[in-house]
Amino acid sequence: MALTLYLLRHGETEASRTGGYSGDLDIDLSPEGYQMAEDFAAAYRDHPWEAVYSSPMRRTRATAEPLCRQAGLELRIRDGLRELGYGQWEGKSPEEVRRDHHLDYLRWLADAGWNAPTGGERGVDVGVRAMAVLEEIYRQHPDGDVLVVSHKATLRILLCQLLGIDVGRYRDRVNILAASLAVVEMREHGPLLTRLGDRSHLRPALQERLGT
């Protein structure tokens, strides 16, 4: 056996539905987001989990808690899994950011790894803190399946680092949909991505709405 990471993005929020920036904003799930969390728990409550780790934000905890409750698992909170901080862009739409912070926005689009949102975090710095959590997980759970519940940018950055993709291209190379699952097997010759964008656990009505 070896460690397998199940990387789950939190369920839908109003910001994830509309495309607004909400890294440090501690927003809640939408009603549909809560349905997504319950659907994931129903599909995976009997899975042999070694552990469940989550970002401290309300939207990630609310996504992980139904599974932990139904499976009798402890939810392990790690600050390193929180979302990229968007600084002065928090709560704004891309159109507003393009207008109000035009040069910073263009630099960020060109290389989101080394250029931060105005007053926010660089992708490479998010990668350092998030990878520290994965290293802890690997030490604590060298074998078995571990669920990690986090955010869109953070999970994209983690996947780039695990797969040897330039972190500066995380927005261009990897997409992480709301409530979707990615699976990475930590094999002898390095991480192997075996699943990406999996939302098969969602109820048919949600899949139809999302076009899954």
N, C-alpha and C. Protein backbone atom coordinates (compact mmCIF):
# COMPACT_ATOMS: atom_id res chain seq x y z
N MET A 1 0.83 -1.21 0.00
CA MET A 1 0.00 0.00 0.00
C MET A 1 0.86 1.26 0.00
N ALA A 2 0.26 2.35 -0.44
CA ALA A 2 0.91 3.65 -0.39
C ALA A 2 -0.16 4.71 -0.13
N LEU A 3 0.28 5.89 0.19
CA LEU A 3 -0.65 6.98 0.45
C LEU A 3 -1.36 7.38 -0.84
N THR A 4 -2.68 7.56 -0.75
CA THR A 4 -3.46 8.14 -1.84
C THR A 4 -4.18 9.36 -1.30
N LEU A 5 -4.00 10.49 -1.98
CA LEU A 5 -4.62 11.75 -1.59
C LEU A 5 -5.90 11.98 -2.38
N TYR A 6 -6.97 12.23 -1.67
CA TYR A 6 -8.24 12.61 -2.27
C TYR A 6 -8.41 14.10 -2.01
N LEU A 7 -8.33 14.91 -3.05
CA LEU A 7 -8.34 16.36 -2.93
C LEU A 7 -9.71 16.87 -3.36
N LEU A 8 -10.47 17.39 -2.39
CA LEU A 8 -11.85 17.81 -2.63
C LEU A 8 -11.98 19.32 -2.48
N ARG A 9 -12.51 19.96 -3.51
CA ARG A 9 -12.84 21.39 -3.38
C ARG A 9 -14.18 21.51 -2.67
N HIS A 10 -14.31 22.55 -1.86
CA HIS A 10 -15.56 22.78 -1.13
C HIS A 10 -16.74 22.92 -2.10
N GLY A 11 -17.93 22.77 -1.56
CA GLY A 11 -19.15 22.92 -2.34
C GLY A 11 -19.36 24.36 -2.79
N GLU A 12 -20.39 24.53 -3.57
CA GLU A 12 -20.67 25.83 -4.18
C GLU A 12 -20.95 26.92 -3.14
N THR A 13 -20.43 28.11 -3.42
CA THR A 13 -20.76 29.32 -2.68
C THR A 13 -21.30 30.33 -3.69
N GLU A 14 -21.84 31.43 -3.20
CA GLU A 14 -22.30 32.46 -4.12
C GLU A 14 -21.14 32.98 -4.96
N ALA A 15 -19.96 33.14 -4.34
CA ALA A 15 -18.80 33.64 -5.07
C ALA A 15 -18.31 32.65 -6.12
N SER A 16 -18.30 31.36 -5.79
CA SER A 16 -17.84 30.38 -6.78
C SER A 16 -18.81 30.30 -7.94
N ARG A 17 -20.09 30.58 -7.69
CA ARG A 17 -21.08 30.55 -8.76
C ARG A 17 -20.94 31.76 -9.68
N THR A 18 -20.62 32.93 -9.11
CA THR A 18 -20.57 34.16 -9.90
C THR A 18 -19.17 34.52 -10.38
N GLY A 19 -18.13 33.89 -9.78
CA GLY A 19 -16.77 34.18 -10.21
C GLY A 19 -16.06 35.26 -9.44
N GLY A 20 -16.60 35.69 -8.29
CA GLY A 20 -15.94 36.71 -7.48
C GLY A 20 -14.78 36.14 -6.68
N TYR A 21 -13.87 37.01 -6.22
CA TYR A 21 -12.71 36.59 -5.46
C TYR A 21 -13.06 36.56 -3.96
N SER A 22 -12.79 35.43 -3.33
CA SER A 22 -13.14 35.28 -1.90
C SER A 22 -12.15 34.36 -1.22
N GLY A 23 -10.90 34.78 -1.15
CA GLY A 23 -9.89 33.96 -0.49
C GLY A 23 -10.02 33.99 1.01
N ASP A 24 -9.85 35.17 1.61
CA ASP A 24 -9.91 35.32 3.06
C ASP A 24 -11.31 35.62 3.57
N LEU A 25 -12.25 35.90 2.69
CA LEU A 25 -13.63 36.12 3.12
C LEU A 25 -14.21 34.79 3.59
N ASP A 26 -14.69 34.75 4.82
CA ASP A 26 -15.15 33.48 5.39
C ASP A 26 -16.63 33.27 5.07
N ILE A 27 -16.90 33.09 3.80
CA ILE A 27 -18.28 32.94 3.35
C ILE A 27 -18.77 31.51 3.55
N ASP A 28 -20.07 31.36 3.54
CA ASP A 28 -20.69 30.06 3.76
C ASP A 28 -21.04 29.41 2.42
N LEU A 29 -21.39 28.12 2.48
CA LEU A 29 -21.90 27.44 1.30
C LEU A 29 -23.27 27.96 0.94
N SER A 30 -23.60 27.86 -0.33
CA SER A 30 -24.96 28.11 -0.78
C SER A 30 -25.83 26.91 -0.42
N PRO A 31 -27.16 27.01 -0.53
CA PRO A 31 -27.99 25.82 -0.30
C PRO A 31 -27.58 24.64 -1.17
N GLU A 32 -27.22 24.91 -2.42
CA GLU A 32 -26.74 23.83 -3.29
C GLU A 32 -25.40 23.29 -2.81
N GLY A 33 -24.57 24.18 -2.24
CA GLY A 33 -23.29 23.73 -1.70
C GLY A 33 -23.46 22.76 -0.55
N TYR A 34 -24.46 23.01 0.30
CA TYR A 34 -24.74 22.06 1.39
C TYR A 34 -25.24 20.73 0.84
N GLN A 35 -26.02 20.76 -0.23
CA GLN A 35 -26.44 19.51 -0.86
C GLN A 35 -25.23 18.74 -1.39
N MET A 36 -24.28 19.46 -1.97
CA MET A 36 -23.06 18.83 -2.48
C MET A 36 -22.29 18.13 -1.37
N ALA A 37 -22.20 18.79 -0.21
CA ALA A 37 -21.49 18.20 0.93
C ALA A 37 -22.20 16.92 1.39
N GLU A 38 -23.51 16.96 1.47
CA GLU A 38 -24.26 15.78 1.88
C GLU A 38 -24.13 14.66 0.86
N ASP A 39 -24.10 15.00 -0.42
CA ASP A 39 -23.96 13.98 -1.46
C ASP A 39 -22.59 13.31 -1.37
N PHE A 40 -21.55 14.10 -1.13
CA PHE A 40 -20.22 13.51 -1.00
C PHE A 40 -20.18 12.57 0.20
N ALA A 41 -20.76 12.99 1.32
CA ALA A 41 -20.77 12.15 2.51
C ALA A 41 -21.51 10.84 2.26
N ALA A 42 -22.64 10.91 1.57
CA ALA A 42 -23.41 9.70 1.30
C ALA A 42 -22.64 8.73 0.42
N ALA A 43 -21.87 9.28 -0.53
CA ALA A 43 -21.13 8.42 -1.45
C ALA A 43 -19.88 7.82 -0.83
N TYR A 44 -19.27 8.52 0.15
CA TYR A 44 -17.95 8.12 0.64
C TYR A 44 -17.90 7.79 2.14
N ARG A 45 -19.04 7.72 2.80
CA ARG A 45 -19.01 7.49 4.25
C ARG A 45 -18.47 6.11 4.61
N ASP A 46 -18.59 5.13 3.71
CA ASP A 46 -18.10 3.78 3.98
C ASP A 46 -16.69 3.55 3.44
N HIS A 47 -16.09 4.57 2.86
CA HIS A 47 -14.73 4.46 2.35
C HIS A 47 -13.76 4.32 3.53
N PRO A 48 -12.72 3.51 3.39
CA PRO A 48 -11.78 3.31 4.52
C PRO A 48 -10.78 4.46 4.67
N TRP A 49 -11.25 5.58 5.17
CA TRP A 49 -10.39 6.75 5.32
C TRP A 49 -9.41 6.59 6.47
N GLU A 50 -8.18 7.01 6.24
CA GLU A 50 -7.19 7.12 7.31
C GLU A 50 -7.39 8.41 8.11
N ALA A 51 -7.75 9.49 7.41
CA ALA A 51 -7.91 10.78 8.08
C ALA A 51 -8.57 11.77 7.12
N VAL A 52 -9.11 12.86 7.70
CA VAL A 52 -9.69 13.95 6.92
C VAL A 52 -9.08 15.26 7.40
N TYR A 53 -8.50 16.01 6.47
CA TYR A 53 -7.89 17.31 6.77
C TYR A 53 -8.66 18.40 6.02
N SER A 54 -8.75 19.59 6.63
CA SER A 54 -9.52 20.67 6.02
C SER A 54 -8.89 22.02 6.31
N SER A 55 -9.10 22.94 5.39
CA SER A 55 -8.88 24.36 5.64
C SER A 55 -9.79 24.81 6.78
N PRO A 56 -9.43 25.87 7.49
CA PRO A 56 -10.26 26.34 8.60
C PRO A 56 -11.48 27.15 8.18
N MET A 57 -11.64 27.46 6.90
CA MET A 57 -12.73 28.32 6.46
C MET A 57 -14.08 27.61 6.59
N ARG A 58 -15.15 28.40 6.79
CA ARG A 58 -16.48 27.81 6.99
C ARG A 58 -16.90 26.94 5.82
N ARG A 59 -16.59 27.37 4.61
CA ARG A 59 -17.06 26.64 3.43
C ARG A 59 -16.39 25.27 3.29
N THR A 60 -15.14 25.16 3.73
CA THR A 60 -14.48 23.85 3.66
C THR A 60 -14.91 22.96 4.83
N ARG A 61 -15.02 23.55 6.02
CA ARG A 61 -15.48 22.75 7.16
C ARG A 61 -16.88 22.22 6.92
N ALA A 62 -17.76 23.06 6.36
CA ALA A 62 -19.13 22.63 6.09
C ALA A 62 -19.18 21.53 5.03
N THR A 63 -18.19 21.49 4.15
CA THR A 63 -18.13 20.44 3.14
C THR A 63 -17.64 19.12 3.75
N ALA A 64 -16.71 19.20 4.68
CA ALA A 64 -16.12 17.99 5.28
C ALA A 64 -16.94 17.43 6.42
N GLU A 65 -17.66 18.27 7.14
CA GLU A 65 -18.31 17.83 8.38
C GLU A 65 -19.36 16.73 8.19
N PRO A 66 -20.20 16.75 7.14
CA PRO A 66 -21.16 15.65 6.99
C PRO A 66 -20.49 14.28 6.87
N LEU A 67 -19.40 14.21 6.12
CA LEU A 67 -18.68 12.94 6.02
C LEU A 67 -18.12 12.53 7.37
N CYS A 68 -17.46 13.46 8.06
CA CYS A 68 -16.87 13.13 9.36
C CYS A 68 -17.94 12.68 10.35
N ARG A 69 -19.08 13.35 10.32
CA ARG A 69 -20.16 12.99 11.24
C ARG A 69 -20.69 11.59 10.94
N GLN A 70 -20.92 11.29 9.67
CA GLN A 70 -21.50 10.00 9.30
C GLN A 70 -20.49 8.85 9.44
N ALA A 71 -19.22 9.15 9.22
CA ALA A 71 -18.20 8.10 9.27
C ALA A 71 -17.50 8.02 10.63
N GLY A 72 -17.82 8.93 11.55
CA GLY A 72 -17.19 8.92 12.86
C GLY A 72 -15.72 9.30 12.82
N LEU A 73 -15.38 10.28 11.97
CA LEU A 73 -13.99 10.69 11.80
C LEU A 73 -13.73 12.06 12.42
N GLU A 74 -12.52 12.26 12.92
CA GLU A 74 -12.10 13.56 13.41
C GLU A 74 -11.76 14.46 12.23
N LEU A 75 -12.19 15.72 12.27
CA LEU A 75 -11.82 16.68 11.25
C LEU A 75 -10.57 17.43 11.72
N ARG A 76 -9.49 17.29 10.98
CA ARG A 76 -8.21 17.90 11.35
C ARG A 76 -8.03 19.20 10.57
N ILE A 77 -8.05 20.32 11.27
CA ILE A 77 -7.98 21.64 10.66
C ILE A 77 -6.53 22.07 10.52
N ARG A 78 -6.16 22.53 9.32
CA ARG A 78 -4.81 23.02 9.06
C ARG A 78 -4.88 24.34 8.32
N ASP A 79 -4.27 25.38 8.89
CA ASP A 79 -4.31 26.71 8.30
C ASP A 79 -3.61 26.75 6.95
N GLY A 80 -2.65 25.88 6.75
CA GLY A 80 -1.92 25.85 5.48
C GLY A 80 -2.79 25.50 4.29
N LEU A 81 -4.00 24.97 4.53
CA LEU A 81 -4.89 24.58 3.43
C LEU A 81 -5.88 25.68 3.06
N ARG A 82 -5.80 26.86 3.74
CA ARG A 82 -6.75 27.93 3.41
C ARG A 82 -6.48 28.45 2.00
N GLU A 83 -7.44 29.24 1.51
CA GLU A 83 -7.36 29.74 0.14
C GLU A 83 -6.31 30.84 0.00
N LEU A 84 -5.84 31.03 -1.21
CA LEU A 84 -4.97 32.15 -1.54
C LEU A 84 -5.65 33.45 -1.13
N GLY A 85 -4.91 34.32 -0.45
CA GLY A 85 -5.45 35.61 -0.03
C GLY A 85 -5.43 36.60 -1.18
N TYR A 86 -6.59 37.19 -1.48
CA TYR A 86 -6.69 38.09 -2.63
C TYR A 86 -6.53 39.56 -2.26
N GLY A 87 -6.22 39.86 -1.00
CA GLY A 87 -5.93 41.23 -0.62
C GLY A 87 -7.06 42.19 -0.95
N GLN A 88 -6.73 43.25 -1.69
CA GLN A 88 -7.71 44.28 -2.03
C GLN A 88 -8.72 43.82 -3.07
N TRP A 89 -8.53 42.62 -3.60
CA TRP A 89 -9.49 42.10 -4.58
C TRP A 89 -10.63 41.33 -3.91
N GLU A 90 -10.53 41.10 -2.61
CA GLU A 90 -11.56 40.30 -1.92
C GLU A 90 -12.95 40.91 -2.13
N GLY A 91 -13.89 40.06 -2.50
CA GLY A 91 -15.27 40.49 -2.68
C GLY A 91 -15.55 41.17 -4.00
N LYS A 92 -14.54 41.29 -4.87
CA LYS A 92 -14.72 41.96 -6.16
C LYS A 92 -14.81 40.95 -7.29
N SER A 93 -15.41 41.37 -8.38
CA SER A 93 -15.47 40.55 -9.58
C SER A 93 -14.21 40.77 -10.41
N PRO A 94 -13.90 39.86 -11.34
CA PRO A 94 -12.75 40.10 -12.23
C PRO A 94 -12.86 41.43 -12.99
N GLU A 95 -14.07 41.80 -13.38
CA GLU A 95 -14.25 43.06 -14.10
C GLU A 95 -13.89 44.26 -13.23
N GLU A 96 -14.27 44.22 -11.96
CA GLU A 96 -13.93 45.30 -11.04
C GLU A 96 -12.43 45.36 -10.80
N VAL A 97 -11.80 44.20 -10.66
CA VAL A 97 -10.36 44.16 -10.43
C VAL A 97 -9.62 44.69 -11.65
N ARG A 98 -10.04 44.29 -12.82
CA ARG A 98 -9.39 44.77 -14.05
C ARG A 98 -9.46 46.29 -14.13
N ARG A 99 -10.58 46.87 -13.68
CA ARG A 99 -10.75 48.32 -13.72
C ARG A 99 -9.94 49.02 -12.63
N ASP A 100 -9.99 48.49 -11.39
CA ASP A 100 -9.43 49.20 -10.24
C ASP A 100 -7.96 48.90 -9.99
N HIS A 101 -7.47 47.74 -10.45
CA HIS A 101 -6.08 47.33 -10.19
C HIS A 101 -5.48 46.78 -11.49
N HIS A 102 -5.57 47.57 -12.53
CA HIS A 102 -5.32 47.06 -13.89
C HIS A 102 -3.93 46.46 -14.06
N LEU A 103 -2.89 47.18 -13.65
CA LEU A 103 -1.53 46.69 -13.86
C LEU A 103 -1.25 45.44 -13.03
N ASP A 104 -1.66 45.46 -11.75
CA ASP A 104 -1.47 44.27 -10.91
C ASP A 104 -2.22 43.08 -11.50
N TYR A 105 -3.39 43.34 -12.03
CA TYR A 105 -4.20 42.25 -12.62
C TYR A 105 -3.50 41.66 -13.84
N LEU A 106 -2.94 42.51 -14.70
CA LEU A 106 -2.23 42.01 -15.88
C LEU A 106 -1.00 41.21 -15.48
N ARG A 107 -0.26 41.69 -14.46
CA ARG A 107 0.91 40.94 -14.00
C ARG A 107 0.50 39.58 -13.44
N TRP A 108 -0.59 39.56 -12.69
CA TRP A 108 -1.09 38.32 -12.10
C TRP A 108 -1.52 37.33 -13.18
N LEU A 109 -2.20 37.83 -14.20
CA LEU A 109 -2.61 36.95 -15.30
C LEU A 109 -1.39 36.37 -16.02
N ALA A 110 -0.32 37.16 -16.12
CA ALA A 110 0.87 36.71 -16.83
C ALA A 110 1.62 35.63 -16.06
N ASP A 111 1.68 35.75 -14.73
CA ASP A 111 2.37 34.77 -13.89
C ASP A 111 1.81 34.85 -12.48
N ALA A 112 0.80 34.00 -12.20
CA ALA A 112 0.12 34.03 -10.90
C ALA A 112 0.93 33.37 -9.80
N GLY A 113 2.05 32.74 -10.18
CA GLY A 113 2.91 32.15 -9.16
C GLY A 113 3.74 33.19 -8.45
N TRP A 114 4.31 34.12 -9.20
CA TRP A 114 5.24 35.08 -8.64
C TRP A 114 4.67 36.49 -8.51
N ASN A 115 3.47 36.71 -8.99
CA ASN A 115 2.80 38.01 -8.86
C ASN A 115 1.54 37.83 -8.03
N ALA A 116 1.40 38.63 -6.99
CA ALA A 116 0.26 38.51 -6.07
C ALA A 116 -0.85 39.46 -6.46
N PRO A 117 -2.09 39.13 -6.14
CA PRO A 117 -3.14 40.14 -6.18
C PRO A 117 -2.74 41.31 -5.27
N THR A 118 -3.26 42.48 -5.53
CA THR A 118 -2.88 43.68 -4.79
C THR A 118 -3.06 43.46 -3.28
N GLY A 119 -1.94 43.43 -2.55
CA GLY A 119 -1.99 43.21 -1.11
C GLY A 119 -2.26 41.76 -0.71
N GLY A 120 -2.20 40.85 -1.67
CA GLY A 120 -2.51 39.44 -1.39
C GLY A 120 -1.30 38.53 -1.41
N GLU A 121 -1.53 37.25 -1.67
CA GLU A 121 -0.49 36.23 -1.62
C GLU A 121 -0.04 35.78 -3.01
N ARG A 122 1.23 35.46 -3.13
CA ARG A 122 1.73 34.84 -4.35
C ARG A 122 1.40 33.35 -4.35
N GLY A 123 1.23 32.80 -5.52
CA GLY A 123 0.98 31.37 -5.63
C GLY A 123 2.08 30.53 -5.02
N VAL A 124 3.34 30.94 -5.19
CA VAL A 124 4.45 30.15 -4.66
C VAL A 124 4.40 30.10 -3.14
N ASP A 125 3.92 31.16 -2.50
CA ASP A 125 3.84 31.18 -1.04
C ASP A 125 2.71 30.29 -0.54
N VAL A 126 1.60 30.27 -1.27
CA VAL A 126 0.53 29.33 -0.96
C VAL A 126 1.05 27.90 -1.08
N GLY A 127 1.83 27.65 -2.12
CA GLY A 127 2.40 26.32 -2.31
C GLY A 127 3.27 25.87 -1.15
N VAL A 128 4.05 26.77 -0.59
CA VAL A 128 4.93 26.41 0.53
C VAL A 128 4.10 25.96 1.73
N ARG A 129 3.09 26.74 2.10
CA ARG A 129 2.32 26.39 3.30
C ARG A 129 1.44 25.16 3.07
N ALA A 130 0.90 25.02 1.86
CA ALA A 130 0.05 23.86 1.59
C ALA A 130 0.86 22.57 1.48
N MET A 131 2.02 22.65 0.86
CA MET A 131 2.87 21.46 0.76
C MET A 131 3.36 21.02 2.12
N ALA A 132 3.54 21.96 3.05
CA ALA A 132 3.94 21.58 4.41
C ALA A 132 2.88 20.69 5.05
N VAL A 133 1.60 20.95 4.76
CA VAL A 133 0.53 20.09 5.27
C VAL A 133 0.61 18.71 4.63
N LEU A 134 0.85 18.65 3.32
CA LEU A 134 0.96 17.34 2.66
C LEU A 134 2.15 16.55 3.20
N GLU A 135 3.23 17.24 3.52
CA GLU A 135 4.38 16.54 4.10
C GLU A 135 4.03 15.98 5.47
N GLU A 136 3.27 16.73 6.26
CA GLU A 136 2.80 16.23 7.55
C GLU A 136 1.91 15.00 7.35
N ILE A 137 1.01 15.08 6.39
CA ILE A 137 0.13 13.94 6.10
C ILE A 137 0.94 12.71 5.72
N TYR A 138 1.94 12.91 4.89
CA TYR A 138 2.75 11.76 4.46
C TYR A 138 3.49 11.13 5.64
N ARG A 139 3.96 11.97 6.58
CA ARG A 139 4.63 11.43 7.77
C ARG A 139 3.65 10.66 8.65
N GLN A 140 2.45 11.20 8.82
CA GLN A 140 1.47 10.60 9.72
C GLN A 140 0.74 9.41 9.11
N HIS A 141 0.61 9.42 7.78
CA HIS A 141 -0.20 8.40 7.10
C HIS A 141 0.53 7.93 5.84
N PRO A 142 1.60 7.19 5.96
CA PRO A 142 2.34 6.76 4.76
C PRO A 142 1.56 5.79 3.89
N ASP A 143 0.52 5.18 4.45
CA ASP A 143 -0.31 4.24 3.69
C ASP A 143 -1.78 4.63 3.85
N GLY A 144 -2.59 4.23 2.88
CA GLY A 144 -4.03 4.43 2.99
C GLY A 144 -4.52 5.69 2.31
N ASP A 145 -5.80 5.98 2.48
CA ASP A 145 -6.47 7.08 1.79
C ASP A 145 -6.75 8.23 2.75
N VAL A 146 -6.36 9.42 2.35
CA VAL A 146 -6.54 10.63 3.16
C VAL A 146 -7.30 11.66 2.33
N LEU A 147 -8.35 12.23 2.92
CA LEU A 147 -9.13 13.27 2.27
C LEU A 147 -8.62 14.65 2.69
N VAL A 148 -8.41 15.52 1.71
CA VAL A 148 -7.99 16.90 1.95
C VAL A 148 -9.04 17.81 1.33
N VAL A 149 -9.69 18.65 2.16
CA VAL A 149 -10.74 19.54 1.68
C VAL A 149 -10.19 20.96 1.68
N SER A 150 -10.13 21.55 0.51
CA SER A 150 -9.51 22.87 0.40
C SER A 150 -10.23 23.70 -0.67
N HIS A 151 -9.49 24.58 -1.35
CA HIS A 151 -10.07 25.61 -2.20
C HIS A 151 -9.51 25.54 -3.61
N LYS A 152 -10.15 26.28 -4.49
CA LYS A 152 -9.81 26.20 -5.92
C LYS A 152 -8.35 26.50 -6.21
N ALA A 153 -7.87 27.70 -5.84
CA ALA A 153 -6.49 28.06 -6.16
C ALA A 153 -5.51 27.19 -5.40
N THR A 154 -5.77 26.94 -4.14
CA THR A 154 -4.84 26.13 -3.34
C THR A 154 -4.70 24.73 -3.91
N LEU A 155 -5.79 24.11 -4.31
CA LEU A 155 -5.71 22.76 -4.88
C LEU A 155 -5.04 22.77 -6.26
N ARG A 156 -5.29 23.79 -7.04
CA ARG A 156 -4.60 23.89 -8.33
C ARG A 156 -3.09 23.99 -8.13
N ILE A 157 -2.70 24.82 -7.17
CA ILE A 157 -1.27 24.99 -6.89
C ILE A 157 -0.66 23.69 -6.39
N LEU A 158 -1.35 23.00 -5.48
CA LEU A 158 -0.85 21.72 -4.98
C LEU A 158 -0.68 20.70 -6.11
N LEU A 159 -1.65 20.62 -6.99
CA LEU A 159 -1.54 19.67 -8.09
C LEU A 159 -0.38 20.01 -9.01
N CYS A 160 -0.17 21.30 -9.27
CA CYS A 160 0.99 21.69 -10.09
C CYS A 160 2.29 21.25 -9.42
N GLN A 161 2.40 21.48 -8.13
CA GLN A 161 3.62 21.10 -7.43
C GLN A 161 3.82 19.58 -7.43
N LEU A 162 2.76 18.85 -7.19
CA LEU A 162 2.87 17.39 -7.16
C LEU A 162 3.23 16.82 -8.53
N LEU A 163 2.75 17.44 -9.59
CA LEU A 163 2.91 16.89 -10.94
C LEU A 163 4.05 17.54 -11.72
N GLY A 164 4.78 18.45 -11.10
CA GLY A 164 5.92 19.06 -11.77
C GLY A 164 5.54 20.11 -12.80
N ILE A 165 4.40 20.78 -12.61
CA ILE A 165 3.94 21.84 -13.50
C ILE A 165 4.33 23.19 -12.91
N ASP A 166 4.75 24.11 -13.73
CA ASP A 166 5.12 25.45 -13.28
C ASP A 166 3.96 26.07 -12.50
N VAL A 167 4.19 26.43 -11.23
CA VAL A 167 3.13 27.01 -10.40
C VAL A 167 2.60 28.30 -11.00
N GLY A 168 3.42 29.02 -11.72
CA GLY A 168 2.96 30.24 -12.37
C GLY A 168 1.87 30.02 -13.38
N ARG A 169 1.67 28.78 -13.80
CA ARG A 169 0.66 28.44 -14.80
C ARG A 169 -0.54 27.73 -14.18
N TYR A 170 -0.68 27.80 -12.84
CA TYR A 170 -1.73 27.00 -12.22
C TYR A 170 -3.12 27.36 -12.73
N ARG A 171 -3.34 28.61 -13.10
CA ARG A 171 -4.65 29.02 -13.60
C ARG A 171 -4.89 28.55 -15.03
N ASP A 172 -3.83 28.22 -15.75
CA ASP A 172 -3.92 27.85 -17.16
C ASP A 172 -3.86 26.35 -17.41
N ARG A 173 -3.42 25.57 -16.42
CA ARG A 173 -3.16 24.15 -16.66
C ARG A 173 -4.14 23.22 -15.94
N VAL A 174 -4.73 23.66 -14.83
CA VAL A 174 -5.56 22.78 -14.01
C VAL A 174 -6.85 23.51 -13.62
N ASN A 175 -7.98 22.84 -13.81
CA ASN A 175 -9.25 23.41 -13.35
C ASN A 175 -9.80 22.54 -12.22
N ILE A 176 -10.32 23.18 -11.19
CA ILE A 176 -10.89 22.48 -10.05
C ILE A 176 -12.31 23.01 -9.85
N LEU A 177 -13.30 22.21 -10.20
CA LEU A 177 -14.70 22.63 -10.11
C LEU A 177 -15.21 22.52 -8.68
N ALA A 178 -16.25 23.27 -8.37
CA ALA A 178 -16.86 23.19 -7.03
C ALA A 178 -17.30 21.76 -6.74
N ALA A 179 -16.96 21.28 -5.55
CA ALA A 179 -17.32 19.94 -5.06
C ALA A 179 -16.73 18.82 -5.90
N SER A 180 -15.69 19.11 -6.67
CA SER A 180 -15.07 18.05 -7.48
C SER A 180 -13.89 17.43 -6.75
N LEU A 181 -13.60 16.20 -7.15
CA LEU A 181 -12.58 15.39 -6.49
C LEU A 181 -11.44 15.11 -7.46
N ALA A 182 -10.21 15.28 -6.98
CA ALA A 182 -9.01 14.83 -7.69
C ALA A 182 -8.33 13.78 -6.81
N VAL A 183 -7.76 12.77 -7.45
CA VAL A 183 -7.11 11.69 -6.71
C VAL A 183 -5.68 11.54 -7.21
N VAL A 184 -4.74 11.54 -6.25
CA VAL A 184 -3.32 11.41 -6.56
C VAL A 184 -2.73 10.26 -5.75
N GLU A 185 -2.18 9.29 -6.44
CA GLU A 185 -1.51 8.16 -5.78
C GLU A 185 -0.03 8.48 -5.63
N MET A 186 0.48 8.37 -4.40
CA MET A 186 1.89 8.65 -4.14
C MET A 186 2.69 7.38 -4.36
N ARG A 187 3.11 7.17 -5.58
CA ARG A 187 3.77 5.92 -5.98
C ARG A 187 5.29 6.01 -5.83
N GLU A 188 5.93 4.89 -6.06
CA GLU A 188 7.38 4.79 -5.90
C GLU A 188 8.12 5.80 -6.77
N HIS A 189 7.63 6.03 -7.97
CA HIS A 189 8.31 6.94 -8.90
C HIS A 189 7.68 8.32 -8.93
N GLY A 190 6.90 8.63 -7.92
CA GLY A 190 6.32 9.97 -7.82
C GLY A 190 4.82 9.96 -7.89
N PRO A 191 4.20 11.13 -7.70
CA PRO A 191 2.73 11.23 -7.69
C PRO A 191 2.13 10.92 -9.06
N LEU A 192 1.01 10.20 -9.04
CA LEU A 192 0.28 9.87 -10.26
C LEU A 192 -1.16 10.36 -10.12
N LEU A 193 -1.56 11.28 -10.99
CA LEU A 193 -2.94 11.77 -11.00
C LEU A 193 -3.83 10.73 -11.67
N THR A 194 -4.78 10.19 -10.92
CA THR A 194 -5.66 9.16 -11.48
C THR A 194 -7.09 9.64 -11.69
N ARG A 195 -7.43 10.79 -11.14
CA ARG A 195 -8.79 11.31 -11.30
C ARG A 195 -8.76 12.83 -11.16
N LEU A 196 -9.56 13.52 -11.97
CA LEU A 196 -9.63 14.98 -11.89
C LEU A 196 -11.03 15.42 -12.28
N GLY A 197 -11.59 16.37 -11.53
CA GLY A 197 -12.90 16.91 -11.87
C GLY A 197 -14.05 15.95 -11.68
N ASP A 198 -13.88 14.98 -10.78
CA ASP A 198 -14.91 13.96 -10.57
C ASP A 198 -16.04 14.53 -9.70
N ARG A 199 -17.25 14.62 -10.27
CA ARG A 199 -18.42 15.03 -9.51
C ARG A 199 -19.53 13.98 -9.61
N SER A 200 -19.12 12.73 -9.83
CA SER A 200 -20.09 11.64 -9.98
C SER A 200 -20.86 11.37 -8.69
N HIS A 201 -20.35 11.87 -7.55
CA HIS A 201 -21.04 11.67 -6.27
C HIS A 201 -22.25 12.58 -6.10
N LEU A 202 -22.42 13.58 -6.95
CA LEU A 202 -23.53 14.51 -6.81
C LEU A 202 -24.84 13.91 -7.32
N ARG A 203 -25.93 14.30 -6.70
CA ARG A 203 -27.25 13.82 -7.10
C ARG A 203 -27.54 14.25 -8.54
N PRO A 204 -28.37 13.47 -9.26
CA PRO A 204 -28.63 13.75 -10.68
C PRO A 204 -29.09 15.17 -10.97
N ALA A 205 -29.94 15.73 -10.11
CA ALA A 205 -30.44 17.09 -10.37
C ALA A 205 -29.30 18.11 -10.36
N LEU A 206 -28.35 17.95 -9.45
CA LEU A 206 -27.20 18.86 -9.42
C LEU A 206 -26.30 18.63 -10.62
N GLN A 207 -26.08 17.37 -10.99
CA GLN A 207 -25.25 17.11 -12.15
C GLN A 207 -25.86 17.72 -13.40
N GLU A 208 -27.18 17.62 -13.52
CA GLU A 208 -27.84 18.21 -14.69
C GLU A 208 -27.69 19.73 -14.69
N ARG A 209 -27.87 20.34 -13.52
CA ARG A 209 -27.72 21.80 -13.42
C ARG A 209 -26.32 22.26 -13.77
N LEU A 210 -25.32 21.49 -13.34
CA LEU A 210 -23.93 21.85 -13.55
C LEU A 210 -23.41 21.42 -14.91
N GLY A 211 -24.16 20.61 -15.62
CA GLY A 211 -23.69 20.10 -16.92
C GLY A 211 -22.65 19.03 -16.78
N THR A 212 -22.66 18.31 -15.63
CA THR A 212 -21.65 17.27 -15.39
C THR A 212 -22.00 16.00 -16.16
